[in-house]
Amino acid sequence: MAAPATSTTPTVNQILPLGRCILWALLTRHVLTLHLNLLLELIDKCIGSRIWVLMKDEKEFVGTLRGFDDYVNMVLEDVVCYETTPEGKSKHDVTQILLNGSNVCLLIPGGKGPGQ
């Protein structure tokens, strides 16, 4: 006598949690995309204006935003660079600089720099 066939079709109780997880993932992705688009729109409004950029590595830049990409890599002109080192704080001017977006911590539109 042959063994009874086992069903490989998932039950409703098995499908519902998976469906909830997929729906949550899709909603989360959609919300994150909306937030990213809003962030990029706000940065776009700053093009041509002075902006203060705080980086992860104790460096700060104040300059005129000329452009950026989806990764928030930015080009600044007429830049003042501030750096904190063990010897103290330093400040120097740069004509133009490209900042890596993965190192940006904070953007302050209209900011004048530290202590100003």
PDB file of N, CA and C in Angstrom:
ATOM      1  N   MET A   1       0.841  -1.162   0.000  1.00  0.00           N
ATOM      2  CA  MET A   1       0.000   0.000   0.000  1.00  0.00           C
ATOM      3  C   MET A   1       0.894   1.235   0.000  1.00  0.00           C
ATOM      4  N   ALA A   2       0.529   2.193  -0.809  1.00  0.00           N
ATOM      5  CA  ALA A   2       1.331   3.409  -0.958  1.00  0.00           C
ATOM      6  C   ALA A   2       1.071   4.362   0.191  1.00  0.00           C
ATOM      7  N   ALA A   3       2.097   5.137   0.539  1.00  0.00           N
ATOM      8  CA  ALA A   3       1.971   6.131   1.609  1.00  0.00           C
ATOM      9  C   ALA A   3       1.111   7.282   1.120  1.00  0.00           C
ATOM     10  N   PRO A   4       0.333   7.899   2.021  1.00  0.00           N
ATOM     11  CA  PRO A   4      -0.509   9.010   1.585  1.00  0.00           C
ATOM     12  C   PRO A   4       0.353  10.187   1.121  1.00  0.00           C
ATOM     13  N   ALA A   5      -0.119  10.856   0.096  1.00  0.00           N
ATOM     14  CA  ALA A   5       0.613  11.996  -0.478  1.00  0.00           C
ATOM     15  C   ALA A   5       0.548  13.175   0.493  1.00  0.00           C
ATOM     16  N   THR A   6       1.683  13.853   0.657  1.00  0.00           N
ATOM     17  CA  THR A   6       1.706  15.035   1.526  1.00  0.00           C
ATOM     18  C   THR A   6       1.527  16.269   0.649  1.00  0.00           C
ATOM     19  N   SER A   7       0.806  17.208   1.171  1.00  0.00           N
ATOM     20  CA  SER A   7       0.520  18.423   0.413  1.00  0.00           C
ATOM     21  C   SER A   7       1.662  19.415   0.596  1.00  0.00           C
ATOM     22  N   THR A   8       2.139  19.983  -0.506  1.00  0.00           N
ATOM     23  CA  THR A   8       3.177  21.001  -0.443  1.00  0.00           C
ATOM     24  C   THR A   8       2.580  22.392  -0.604  1.00  0.00           C
ATOM     25  N   THR A   9       1.275  22.453  -0.730  1.00  0.00           N
ATOM     26  CA  THR A   9       0.612  23.740  -0.856  1.00  0.00           C
ATOM     27  C   THR A   9       0.541  24.397   0.525  1.00  0.00           C
ATOM     28  N   PRO A  10       1.038  25.648   0.652  1.00  0.00           N
ATOM     29  CA  PRO A  10       1.002  26.300   1.963  1.00  0.00           C
ATOM     30  C   PRO A  10      -0.423  26.619   2.387  1.00  0.00           C
ATOM     31  N   THR A  11      -0.611  26.630   3.677  1.00  0.00           N
ATOM     32  CA  THR A  11      -1.923  26.955   4.225  1.00  0.00           C
ATOM     33  C   THR A  11      -2.068  28.467   4.346  1.00  0.00           C
ATOM     34  N   VAL A  12      -3.286  28.915   4.581  1.00  0.00           N
ATOM     35  CA  VAL A  12      -3.553  30.348   4.753  1.00  0.00           C
ATOM     36  C   VAL A  12      -2.755  30.894   5.926  1.00  0.00           C
ATOM     37  N   ASN A  13      -2.638  30.143   7.000  1.00  0.00           N
ATOM     38  CA  ASN A  13      -1.888  30.597   8.177  1.00  0.00           C
ATOM     39  C   ASN A  13      -0.398  30.761   7.877  1.00  0.00           C
ATOM     40  N   GLN A  14       0.119  30.025   6.910  1.00  0.00           N
ATOM     41  CA  GLN A  14       1.516  30.168   6.527  1.00  0.00           C
ATOM     42  C   GLN A  14       1.707  31.371   5.588  1.00  0.00           C
ATOM     43  N   ILE A  15       0.721  31.658   4.780  1.00  0.00           N
ATOM     44  CA  ILE A  15       0.832  32.739   3.783  1.00  0.00           C
ATOM     45  C   ILE A  15       0.654  34.108   4.423  1.00  0.00           C
ATOM     46  N   LEU A  16      -0.273  34.274   5.351  1.00  0.00           N
ATOM     47  CA  LEU A  16      -0.571  35.587   5.927  1.00  0.00           C
ATOM     48  C   LEU A  16       0.648  36.271   6.561  1.00  0.00           C
ATOM     49  N   PRO A  17       1.434  35.599   7.410  1.00  0.00           N
ATOM     50  CA  PRO A  17       2.609  36.291   7.965  1.00  0.00           C
ATOM     51  C   PRO A  17       3.606  36.717   6.882  1.00  0.00           C
ATOM     52  N   LEU A  18       3.788  35.880   5.879  1.00  0.00           N
ATOM     53  CA  LEU A  18       4.686  36.219   4.790  1.00  0.00           C
ATOM     54  C   LEU A  18       4.153  37.433   4.030  1.00  0.00           C
ATOM     55  N   GLY A  19       2.853  37.447   3.787  1.00  0.00           N
ATOM     56  CA  GLY A  19       2.238  38.588   3.102  1.00  0.00           C
ATOM     57  C   GLY A  19       2.402  39.875   3.902  1.00  0.00           C
ATOM     58  N   ARG A  20       2.249  39.794   5.221  1.00  0.00           N
ATOM     59  CA  ARG A  20       2.440  40.971   6.070  1.00  0.00           C
ATOM     60  C   ARG A  20       3.876  41.466   5.999  1.00  0.00           C
ATOM     61  N   CYS A  21       4.835  40.555   5.995  1.00  0.00           N
ATOM     62  CA  CYS A  21       6.250  40.940   5.915  1.00  0.00           C
ATOM     63  C   CYS A  21       6.550  41.615   4.588  1.00  0.00           C
ATOM     64  N   ILE A  22       6.029  41.073   3.509  1.00  0.00           N
ATOM     65  CA  ILE A  22       6.260  41.673   2.194  1.00  0.00           C
ATOM     66  C   ILE A  22       5.613  43.043   2.127  1.00  0.00           C
ATOM     67  N   LEU A  23       4.376  43.170   2.617  1.00  0.00           N
ATOM     68  CA  LEU A  23       3.686  44.457   2.613  1.00  0.00           C
ATOM     69  C   LEU A  23       4.451  45.474   3.450  1.00  0.00           C
ATOM     70  N   TRP A  24       4.945  45.071   4.627  1.00  0.00           N
ATOM     71  CA  TRP A  24       5.718  45.977   5.483  1.00  0.00           C
ATOM     72  C   TRP A  24       6.985  46.432   4.762  1.00  0.00           C
ATOM     73  N   ALA A  25       7.669  45.498   4.093  1.00  0.00           N
ATOM     74  CA  ALA A  25       8.897  45.838   3.371  1.00  0.00           C
ATOM     75  C   ALA A  25       8.607  46.816   2.238  1.00  0.00           C
ATOM     76  N   LEU A  26       7.518  46.588   1.515  1.00  0.00           N
ATOM     77  CA  LEU A  26       7.168  47.493   0.419  1.00  0.00           C
ATOM     78  C   LEU A  26       6.798  48.878   0.944  1.00  0.00           C
ATOM     79  N   LEU A  27       6.026  48.932   2.025  1.00  0.00           N
ATOM     80  CA  LEU A  27       5.653  50.227   2.601  1.00  0.00           C
ATOM     81  C   LEU A  27       6.877  50.963   3.131  1.00  0.00           C
ATOM     82  N   THR A  28       7.776  50.242   3.806  1.00  0.00           N
ATOM     83  CA  THR A  28       8.989  50.857   4.341  1.00  0.00           C
ATOM     84  C   THR A  28       9.836  51.416   3.206  1.00  0.00           C
ATOM     85  N   ARG A  29       9.991  50.650   2.155  1.00  0.00           N
ATOM     86  CA  ARG A  29      10.767  51.108   0.997  1.00  0.00           C
ATOM     87  C   ARG A  29      10.133  52.348   0.390  1.00  0.00           C
ATOM     88  N   HIS A  30       8.808  52.360   0.285  1.00  0.00           N
ATOM     89  CA  HIS A  30       8.096  53.503  -0.280  1.00  0.00           C
ATOM     90  C   HIS A  30       8.289  54.745   0.590  1.00  0.00           C
ATOM     91  N   VAL A  31       8.171  54.592   1.895  1.00  0.00           N
ATOM     92  CA  VAL A  31       8.338  55.721   2.812  1.00  0.00           C
ATOM     93  C   VAL A  31       9.767  56.250   2.750  1.00  0.00           C
ATOM     94  N   LEU A  32      10.762  55.349   2.734  1.00  0.00           N
ATOM     95  CA  LEU A  32      12.153  55.787   2.652  1.00  0.00           C
ATOM     96  C   LEU A  32      12.415  56.519   1.344  1.00  0.00           C
ATOM     97  N   THR A  33      11.823  56.048   0.253  1.00  0.00           N
ATOM     98  CA  THR A  33      11.981  56.718  -1.034  1.00  0.00           C
ATOM     99  C   THR A  33      11.373  58.110  -0.981  1.00  0.00           C
ATOM    100  N   LEU A  34      10.213  58.252  -0.351  1.00  0.00           N
ATOM    101  CA  LEU A  34       9.589  59.566  -0.219  1.00  0.00           C
ATOM    102  C   LEU A  34      10.459  60.506   0.594  1.00  0.00           C
ATOM    103  N   HIS A  35      11.040  60.009   1.700  1.00  0.00           N
ATOM    104  CA  HIS A  35      11.901  60.837   2.538  1.00  0.00           C
ATOM    105  C   HIS A  35      13.158  61.248   1.788  1.00  0.00           C
ATOM    106  N   LEU A  36      13.749  60.324   1.027  1.00  0.00           N
ATOM    107  CA  LEU A  36      14.949  60.632   0.258  1.00  0.00           C
ATOM    108  C   LEU A  36      14.640  61.684  -0.805  1.00  0.00           C
ATOM    109  N   ASN A  37      13.527  61.534  -1.494  1.00  0.00           N
ATOM    110  CA  ASN A  37      13.149  62.517  -2.513  1.00  0.00           C
ATOM    111  C   ASN A  37      12.923  63.891  -1.895  1.00  0.00           C
ATOM    112  N   LEU A  38      12.296  63.943  -0.736  1.00  0.00           N
ATOM    113  CA  LEU A  38      12.076  65.215  -0.053  1.00  0.00           C
ATOM    114  C   LEU A  38      13.408  65.844   0.341  1.00  0.00           C
ATOM    115  N   LEU A  39      14.325  65.039   0.862  1.00  0.00           N
ATOM    116  CA  LEU A  39      15.644  65.530   1.245  1.00  0.00           C
ATOM    117  C   LEU A  39      16.372  66.116   0.028  1.00  0.00           C
ATOM    118  N   LEU A  40      16.356  65.401  -1.091  1.00  0.00           N
ATOM    119  CA  LEU A  40      17.037  65.882  -2.288  1.00  0.00           C
ATOM    120  C   LEU A  40      16.394  67.152  -2.827  1.00  0.00           C
ATOM    121  N   GLU A  41      15.083  67.265  -2.719  1.00  0.00           N
ATOM    122  CA  GLU A  41      14.393  68.501  -3.139  1.00  0.00           C
ATOM    123  C   GLU A  41      14.816  69.677  -2.267  1.00  0.00           C
ATOM    124  N   LEU A  42      14.955  69.449  -0.967  1.00  0.00           N
ATOM    125  CA  LEU A  42      15.368  70.524  -0.063  1.00  0.00           C
ATOM    126  C   LEU A  42      16.799  70.970  -0.357  1.00  0.00           C
ATOM    127  N   ILE A  43      17.681  70.019  -0.609  1.00  0.00           N
ATOM    128  CA  ILE A  43      19.064  70.365  -0.944  1.00  0.00           C
ATOM    129  C   ILE A  43      19.093  71.120  -2.270  1.00  0.00           C
ATOM    130  N   ASP A  44      18.268  70.719  -3.218  1.00  0.00           N
ATOM    131  CA  ASP A  44      18.220  71.377  -4.523  1.00  0.00           C
ATOM    132  C   ASP A  44      17.866  72.860  -4.387  1.00  0.00           C
ATOM    133  N   LYS A  45      17.017  73.194  -3.426  1.00  0.00           N
ATOM    134  CA  LYS A  45      16.643  74.589  -3.205  1.00  0.00           C
ATOM    135  C   LYS A  45      17.806  75.425  -2.673  1.00  0.00           C
ATOM    136  N   CYS A  46      18.858  74.768  -2.186  1.00  0.00           N
ATOM    137  CA  CYS A  46      20.022  75.473  -1.642  1.00  0.00           C
ATOM    138  C   CYS A  46      21.085  75.775  -2.693  1.00  0.00           C
ATOM    139  N   ILE A  47      20.933  75.262  -3.905  1.00  0.00           N
ATOM    140  CA  ILE A  47      21.937  75.511  -4.941  1.00  0.00           C
ATOM    141  C   ILE A  47      22.047  77.009  -5.177  1.00  0.00           C
ATOM    142  N   GLY A  48      23.280  77.495  -5.183  1.00  0.00           N
ATOM    143  CA  GLY A  48      23.551  78.923  -5.355  1.00  0.00           C
ATOM    144  C   GLY A  48      23.589  79.690  -4.050  1.00  0.00           C
ATOM    145  N   SER A  49      23.285  79.025  -2.942  1.00  0.00           N
ATOM    146  CA  SER A  49      23.281  79.665  -1.624  1.00  0.00           C
ATOM    147  C   SER A  49      24.441  79.154  -0.780  1.00  0.00           C
ATOM    148  N   ARG A  50      24.745  79.907   0.267  1.00  0.00           N
ATOM    149  CA  ARG A  50      25.773  79.489   1.223  1.00  0.00           C
ATOM    150  C   ARG A  50      25.215  78.358   2.082  1.00  0.00           C
ATOM    151  N   ILE A  51      26.072  77.401   2.375  1.00  0.00           N
ATOM    152  CA  ILE A  51      25.662  76.252   3.174  1.00  0.00           C
ATOM    153  C   ILE A  51      26.829  75.847   4.072  1.00  0.00           C
ATOM    154  N   TRP A  52      26.511  75.411   5.261  1.00  0.00           N
ATOM    155  CA  TRP A  52      27.498  74.955   6.237  1.00  0.00           C
ATOM    156  C   TRP A  52      27.365  73.438   6.299  1.00  0.00           C
ATOM    157  N   VAL A  53      28.458  72.714   6.042  1.00  0.00           N
ATOM    158  CA  VAL A  53      28.442  71.257   5.995  1.00  0.00           C
ATOM    159  C   VAL A  53      29.337  70.709   7.102  1.00  0.00           C
ATOM    160  N   LEU A  54      28.770  69.877   7.968  1.00  0.00           N
ATOM    161  CA  LEU A  54      29.533  69.210   9.018  1.00  0.00           C
ATOM    162  C   LEU A  54      29.794  67.777   8.572  1.00  0.00           C
ATOM    163  N   MET A  55      31.066  67.384   8.666  1.00  0.00           N
ATOM    164  CA  MET A  55      31.477  66.061   8.215  1.00  0.00           C
ATOM    165  C   MET A  55      31.732  65.145   9.422  1.00  0.00           C
ATOM    166  N   LYS A  56      31.862  63.846   9.166  1.00  0.00           N
ATOM    167  CA  LYS A  56      32.112  62.863  10.219  1.00  0.00           C
ATOM    168  C   LYS A  56      33.490  63.023  10.852  1.00  0.00           C
ATOM    169  N   ASP A  57      34.457  63.530  10.117  1.00  0.00           N
ATOM    170  CA  ASP A  57      35.852  63.524  10.553  1.00  0.00           C
ATOM    171  C   ASP A  57      36.326  64.846  11.153  1.00  0.00           C
ATOM    172  N   GLU A  58      35.457  65.519  11.911  1.00  0.00           N
ATOM    173  CA  GLU A  58      35.830  66.763  12.601  1.00  0.00           C
ATOM    174  C   GLU A  58      36.171  67.907  11.648  1.00  0.00           C
ATOM    175  N   LYS A  59      35.689  67.817  10.404  1.00  0.00           N
ATOM    176  CA  LYS A  59      35.886  68.907   9.457  1.00  0.00           C
ATOM    177  C   LYS A  59      34.544  69.567   9.183  1.00  0.00           C
ATOM    178  N   GLU A  60      34.610  70.873   8.916  1.00  0.00           N
ATOM    179  CA  GLU A  60      33.413  71.639   8.571  1.00  0.00           C
ATOM    180  C   GLU A  60      33.750  72.526   7.391  1.00  0.00           C
ATOM    181  N   PHE A  61      32.770  72.710   6.510  1.00  0.00           N
ATOM    182  CA  PHE A  61      32.964  73.518   5.318  1.00  0.00           C
ATOM    183  C   PHE A  61      31.813  74.497   5.184  1.00  0.00           C
ATOM    184  N   VAL A  62      32.138  75.732   4.827  1.00  0.00           N
ATOM    185  CA  VAL A  62      31.122  76.731   4.533  1.00  0.00           C
ATOM    186  C   VAL A  62      31.418  77.238   3.132  1.00  0.00           C
ATOM    187  N   GLY A  63      30.448  77.122   2.232  1.00  0.00           N
ATOM    188  CA  GLY A  63      30.664  77.560   0.860  1.00  0.00           C
ATOM    189  C   GLY A  63      29.358  77.671   0.107  1.00  0.00           C
ATOM    190  N   THR A  64      29.479  78.058  -1.145  1.00  0.00           N
ATOM    191  CA  THR A  64      28.314  78.174  -2.018  1.00  0.00           C
ATOM    192  C   THR A  64      28.089  76.840  -2.707  1.00  0.00           C
ATOM    193  N   LEU A  65      26.897  76.276  -2.528  1.00  0.00           N
ATOM    194  CA  LEU A  65      26.566  74.984  -3.126  1.00  0.00           C
ATOM    195  C   LEU A  65      26.364  75.161  -4.622  1.00  0.00           C
ATOM    196  N   ARG A  66      27.146  74.453  -5.430  1.00  0.00           N
ATOM    197  CA  ARG A  66      27.035  74.527  -6.888  1.00  0.00           C
ATOM    198  C   ARG A  66      26.314  73.330  -7.476  1.00  0.00           C
ATOM    199  N   GLY A  67      26.360  72.193  -6.799  1.00  0.00           N
ATOM    200  CA  GLY A  67      25.678  71.018  -7.314  1.00  0.00           C
ATOM    201  C   GLY A  67      25.845  69.834  -6.380  1.00  0.00           C
ATOM    202  N   PHE A  68      25.037  68.795  -6.619  1.00  0.00           N
ATOM    203  CA  PHE A  68      25.090  67.567  -5.823  1.00  0.00           C
ATOM    204  C   PHE A  68      24.450  66.449  -6.634  1.00  0.00           C
ATOM    205  N   ASP A  69      24.647  65.215  -6.195  1.00  0.00           N
ATOM    206  CA  ASP A  69      24.020  64.077  -6.859  1.00  0.00           C
ATOM    207  C   ASP A  69      23.139  63.310  -5.875  1.00  0.00           C
ATOM    208  N   ASP A  70      22.614  62.165  -6.312  1.00  0.00           N
ATOM    209  CA  ASP A  70      21.708  61.367  -5.468  1.00  0.00           C
ATOM    210  C   ASP A  70      22.389  60.812  -4.226  1.00  0.00           C
ATOM    211  N   TYR A  71      23.715  60.773  -4.207  1.00  0.00           N
ATOM    212  CA  TYR A  71      24.461  60.281  -3.048  1.00  0.00           C
ATOM    213  C   TYR A  71      24.887  61.429  -2.136  1.00  0.00           C
ATOM    214  N   VAL A  72      24.428  62.635  -2.438  1.00  0.00           N
ATOM    215  CA  VAL A  72      24.722  63.870  -1.714  1.00  0.00           C
ATOM    216  C   VAL A  72      26.224  64.198  -1.755  1.00  0.00           C
ATOM    217  N   ASN A  73      26.924  63.722  -2.801  1.00  0.00           N
ATOM    218  CA  ASN A  73      28.250  64.248  -3.093  1.00  0.00           C
ATOM    219  C   ASN A  73      28.009  65.685  -3.536  1.00  0.00           C
ATOM    220  N   MET A  74      28.795  66.632  -3.010  1.00  0.00           N
ATOM    221  CA  MET A  74      28.516  68.047  -3.267  1.00  0.00           C
ATOM    222  C   MET A  74      29.738  68.783  -3.784  1.00  0.00           C
ATOM    223  N   VAL A  75      29.481  69.772  -4.636  1.00  0.00           N
ATOM    224  CA  VAL A  75      30.518  70.693  -5.078  1.00  0.00           C
ATOM    225  C   VAL A  75      30.224  72.040  -4.434  1.00  0.00           C
ATOM    226  N   LEU A  76      31.224  72.567  -3.712  1.00  0.00           N
ATOM    227  CA  LEU A  76      31.120  73.882  -3.080  1.00  0.00           C
ATOM    228  C   LEU A  76      32.180  74.804  -3.684  1.00  0.00           C
ATOM    229  N   GLU A  77      31.851  76.086  -3.790  1.00  0.00           N
ATOM    230  CA  GLU A  77      32.800  77.097  -4.248  1.00  0.00           C
ATOM    231  C   GLU A  77      32.977  78.153  -3.171  1.00  0.00           C
ATOM    232  N   ASP A  78      34.096  78.874  -3.250  1.00  0.00           N
ATOM    233  CA  ASP A  78      34.430  79.910  -2.270  1.00  0.00           C
ATOM    234  C   ASP A  78      34.287  79.358  -0.856  1.00  0.00           C
ATOM    235  N   VAL A  79      35.058  78.333  -0.582  1.00  0.00           N
ATOM    236  CA  VAL A  79      34.899  77.520   0.624  1.00  0.00           C
ATOM    237  C   VAL A  79      35.867  77.951   1.726  1.00  0.00           C
ATOM    238  N   VAL A  80      35.360  77.978   2.934  1.00  0.00           N
ATOM    239  CA  VAL A  80      36.187  78.123   4.125  1.00  0.00           C
ATOM    240  C   VAL A  80      36.153  76.766   4.830  1.00  0.00           C
ATOM    241  N   CYS A  81      37.333  76.176   5.052  1.00  0.00           N
ATOM    242  CA  CYS A  81      37.453  74.862   5.687  1.00  0.00           C
ATOM    243  C   CYS A  81      37.881  75.036   7.136  1.00  0.00           C
ATOM    244  N   TYR A  82      37.175  74.384   8.035  1.00  0.00           N
ATOM    245  CA  TYR A  82      37.509  74.388   9.455  1.00  0.00           C
ATOM    246  C   TYR A  82      37.853  72.961   9.843  1.00  0.00           C
ATOM    247  N   GLU A  83      38.946  72.790  10.581  1.00  0.00           N
ATOM    248  CA  GLU A  83      39.351  71.447  10.995  1.00  0.00           C
ATOM    249  C   GLU A  83      39.821  71.480  12.443  1.00  0.00           C
ATOM    250  N   THR A  84      39.382  70.494  13.200  1.00  0.00           N
ATOM    251  CA  THR A  84      39.825  70.352  14.590  1.00  0.00           C
ATOM    252  C   THR A  84      40.876  69.253  14.636  1.00  0.00           C
ATOM    253  N   THR A  85      42.059  69.609  15.110  1.00  0.00           N
ATOM    254  CA  THR A  85      43.164  68.662  15.231  1.00  0.00           C
ATOM    255  C   THR A  85      43.636  68.650  16.681  1.00  0.00           C
ATOM    256  N   PRO A  86      44.491  67.718  17.059  1.00  0.00           N
ATOM    257  CA  PRO A  86      45.028  67.721  18.434  1.00  0.00           C
ATOM    258  C   PRO A  86      45.775  69.013  18.774  1.00  0.00           C
ATOM    259  N   GLU A  87      46.319  69.672  17.747  1.00  0.00           N
ATOM    260  CA  GLU A  87      47.035  70.927  17.970  1.00  0.00           C
ATOM    261  C   GLU A  87      46.098  72.119  18.140  1.00  0.00           C
ATOM    262  N   GLY A  88      44.842  71.971  17.768  1.00  0.00           N
ATOM    263  CA  GLY A  88      43.869  73.055  17.858  1.00  0.00           C
ATOM    264  C   GLY A  88      43.021  73.136  16.601  1.00  0.00           C
ATOM    265  N   LYS A  89      42.373  74.274  16.438  1.00  0.00           N
ATOM    266  CA  LYS A  89      41.495  74.467  15.284  1.00  0.00           C
ATOM    267  C   LYS A  89      42.250  75.231  14.198  1.00  0.00           C
ATOM    268  N   SER A  90      42.000  74.840  12.947  1.00  0.00           N
ATOM    269  CA  SER A  90      42.604  75.547  11.824  1.00  0.00           C
ATOM    270  C   SER A  90      41.519  75.966  10.842  1.00  0.00           C
ATOM    271  N   LYS A  91      41.844  76.993  10.065  1.00  0.00           N
ATOM    272  CA  LYS A  91      40.889  77.533   9.093  1.00  0.00           C
ATOM    273  C   LYS A  91      41.680  77.919   7.852  1.00  0.00           C
ATOM    274  N   HIS A  92      41.193  77.504   6.679  1.00  0.00           N
ATOM    275  CA  HIS A  92      41.821  77.923   5.431  1.00  0.00           C
ATOM    276  C   HIS A  92      40.780  78.014   4.319  1.00  0.00           C
ATOM    277  N   ASP A  93      41.103  78.781   3.291  1.00  0.00           N
ATOM    278  CA  ASP A  93      40.187  79.007   2.169  1.00  0.00           C
ATOM    279  C   ASP A  93      40.556  78.110   0.994  1.00  0.00           C
ATOM    280  N   VAL A  94      39.507  77.661   0.280  1.00  0.00           N
ATOM    281  CA  VAL A  94      39.676  76.840  -0.918  1.00  0.00           C
ATOM    282  C   VAL A  94      38.735  77.395  -1.974  1.00  0.00           C
ATOM    283  N   THR A  95      39.189  77.421  -3.232  1.00  0.00           N
ATOM    284  CA  THR A  95      38.348  77.935  -4.315  1.00  0.00           C
ATOM    285  C   THR A  95      37.160  77.021  -4.586  1.00  0.00           C
ATOM    286  N   GLN A  96      37.427  75.704  -4.683  1.00  0.00           N
ATOM    287  CA  GLN A  96      36.365  74.748  -4.990  1.00  0.00           C
ATOM    288  C   GLN A  96      36.714  73.409  -4.359  1.00  0.00           C
ATOM    289  N   ILE A  97      35.679  72.668  -3.935  1.00  0.00           N
ATOM    290  CA  ILE A  97      35.914  71.365  -3.297  1.00  0.00           C
ATOM    291  C   ILE A  97      34.760  70.418  -3.623  1.00  0.00           C
ATOM    292  N   LEU A  98      35.077  69.129  -3.718  1.00  0.00           N
ATOM    293  CA  LEU A  98      34.092  68.071  -3.903  1.00  0.00           C
ATOM    294  C   LEU A  98      34.031  67.283  -2.599  1.00  0.00           C
ATOM    295  N   LEU A  99      32.857  67.227  -1.976  1.00  0.00           N
ATOM    296  CA  LEU A  99      32.674  66.517  -0.709  1.00  0.00           C
ATOM    297  C   LEU A  99      31.989  65.180  -0.957  1.00  0.00           C
ATOM    298  N   ASN A 100      32.484  64.142  -0.303  1.00  0.00           N
ATOM    299  CA  ASN A 100      31.908  62.809  -0.402  1.00  0.00           C
ATOM    300  C   ASN A 100      30.657  62.737   0.469  1.00  0.00           C
ATOM    301  N   GLY A 101      29.528  62.458  -0.143  1.00  0.00           N
ATOM    302  CA  GLY A 101      28.254  62.443   0.570  1.00  0.00           C
ATOM    303  C   GLY A 101      28.182  61.431   1.693  1.00  0.00           C
ATOM    304  N   SER A 102      28.950  60.345   1.624  1.00  0.00           N
ATOM    305  CA  SER A 102      28.888  59.335   2.681  1.00  0.00           C
ATOM    306  C   SER A 102      29.531  59.829   3.974  1.00  0.00           C
ATOM    307  N   ASN A 103      30.268  60.945   3.920  1.00  0.00           N
ATOM    308  CA  ASN A 103      30.895  61.497   5.118  1.00  0.00           C
ATOM    309  C   ASN A 103      30.162  62.723   5.664  1.00  0.00           C
ATOM    310  N   VAL A 104      29.067  63.110   5.022  1.00  0.00           N
ATOM    311  CA  VAL A 104      28.302  64.285   5.465  1.00  0.00           C
ATOM    312  C   VAL A 104      27.404  63.894   6.637  1.00  0.00           C
ATOM    313  N   CYS A 105      27.472  64.685   7.715  1.00  0.00           N
ATOM    314  CA  CYS A 105      26.615  64.449   8.883  1.00  0.00           C
ATOM    315  C   CYS A 105      25.437  65.407   8.915  1.00  0.00           C
ATOM    316  N   LEU A 106      25.687  66.683   8.592  1.00  0.00           N
ATOM    317  CA  LEU A 106      24.652  67.697   8.761  1.00  0.00           C
ATOM    318  C   LEU A 106      24.847  68.808   7.746  1.00  0.00           C
ATOM    319  N   LEU A 107      23.748  69.291   7.185  1.00  0.00           N
ATOM    320  CA  LEU A 107      23.746  70.433   6.271  1.00  0.00           C
ATOM    321  C   LEU A 107      22.966  71.555   6.922  1.00  0.00           C
ATOM    322  N   ILE A 108      23.544  72.756   6.946  1.00  0.00           N
ATOM    323  CA  ILE A 108      22.871  73.908   7.531  1.00  0.00           C
ATOM    324  C   ILE A 108      22.782  75.000   6.477  1.00  0.00           C
ATOM    325  N   PRO A 109      21.649  75.125   5.797  1.00  0.00           N
ATOM    326  CA  PRO A 109      21.510  76.181   4.791  1.00  0.00           C
ATOM    327  C   PRO A 109      21.650  77.562   5.442  1.00  0.00           C
ATOM    328  N   GLY A 110      22.421  78.429   4.792  1.00  0.00           N
ATOM    329  CA  GLY A 110      22.610  79.770   5.307  1.00  0.00           C
ATOM    330  C   GLY A 110      23.567  79.860   6.471  1.00  0.00           C
ATOM    331  N   GLY A 111      24.142  78.738   6.882  1.00  0.00           N
ATOM    332  CA  GLY A 111      25.060  78.726   8.014  1.00  0.00           C
ATOM    333  C   GLY A 111      26.333  79.467   7.714  1.00  0.00           C
ATOM    334  N   LYS A 112      26.890  80.122   8.727  1.00  0.00           N
ATOM    335  CA  LYS A 112      28.094  80.932   8.547  1.00  0.00           C
ATOM    336  C   LYS A 112      29.339  80.247   9.087  1.00  0.00           C
ATOM    337  N   GLY A 113      29.196  79.111   9.720  1.00  0.00           N
ATOM    338  CA  GLY A 113      30.354  78.390  10.228  1.00  0.00           C
ATOM    339  C   GLY A 113      30.403  78.392  11.741  1.00  0.00           C
ATOM    340  N   PRO A 114      31.366  77.654  12.279  1.00  0.00           N
ATOM    341  CA  PRO A 114      31.468  77.534  13.732  1.00  0.00           C
ATOM    342  C   PRO A 114      31.807  78.865  14.399  1.00  0.00           C
ATOM    343  N   GLY A 115      31.117  79.163  15.473  1.00  0.00           N
ATOM    344  CA  GLY A 115      31.393  80.355  16.256  1.00  0.00           C
ATOM    345  C   GLY A 115      30.968  81.662  15.619  1.00  0.00           C
ATOM    346  N   GLN A 116      30.108  81.613  14.612  1.00  0.00           N
ATOM    347  CA  GLN A 116      29.700  82.861  13.952  1.00  0.00           C
ATOM    348  C   GLN A 116      28.202  83.026  13.969  1.00  0.00           C
TER     349      GLN A 116
END
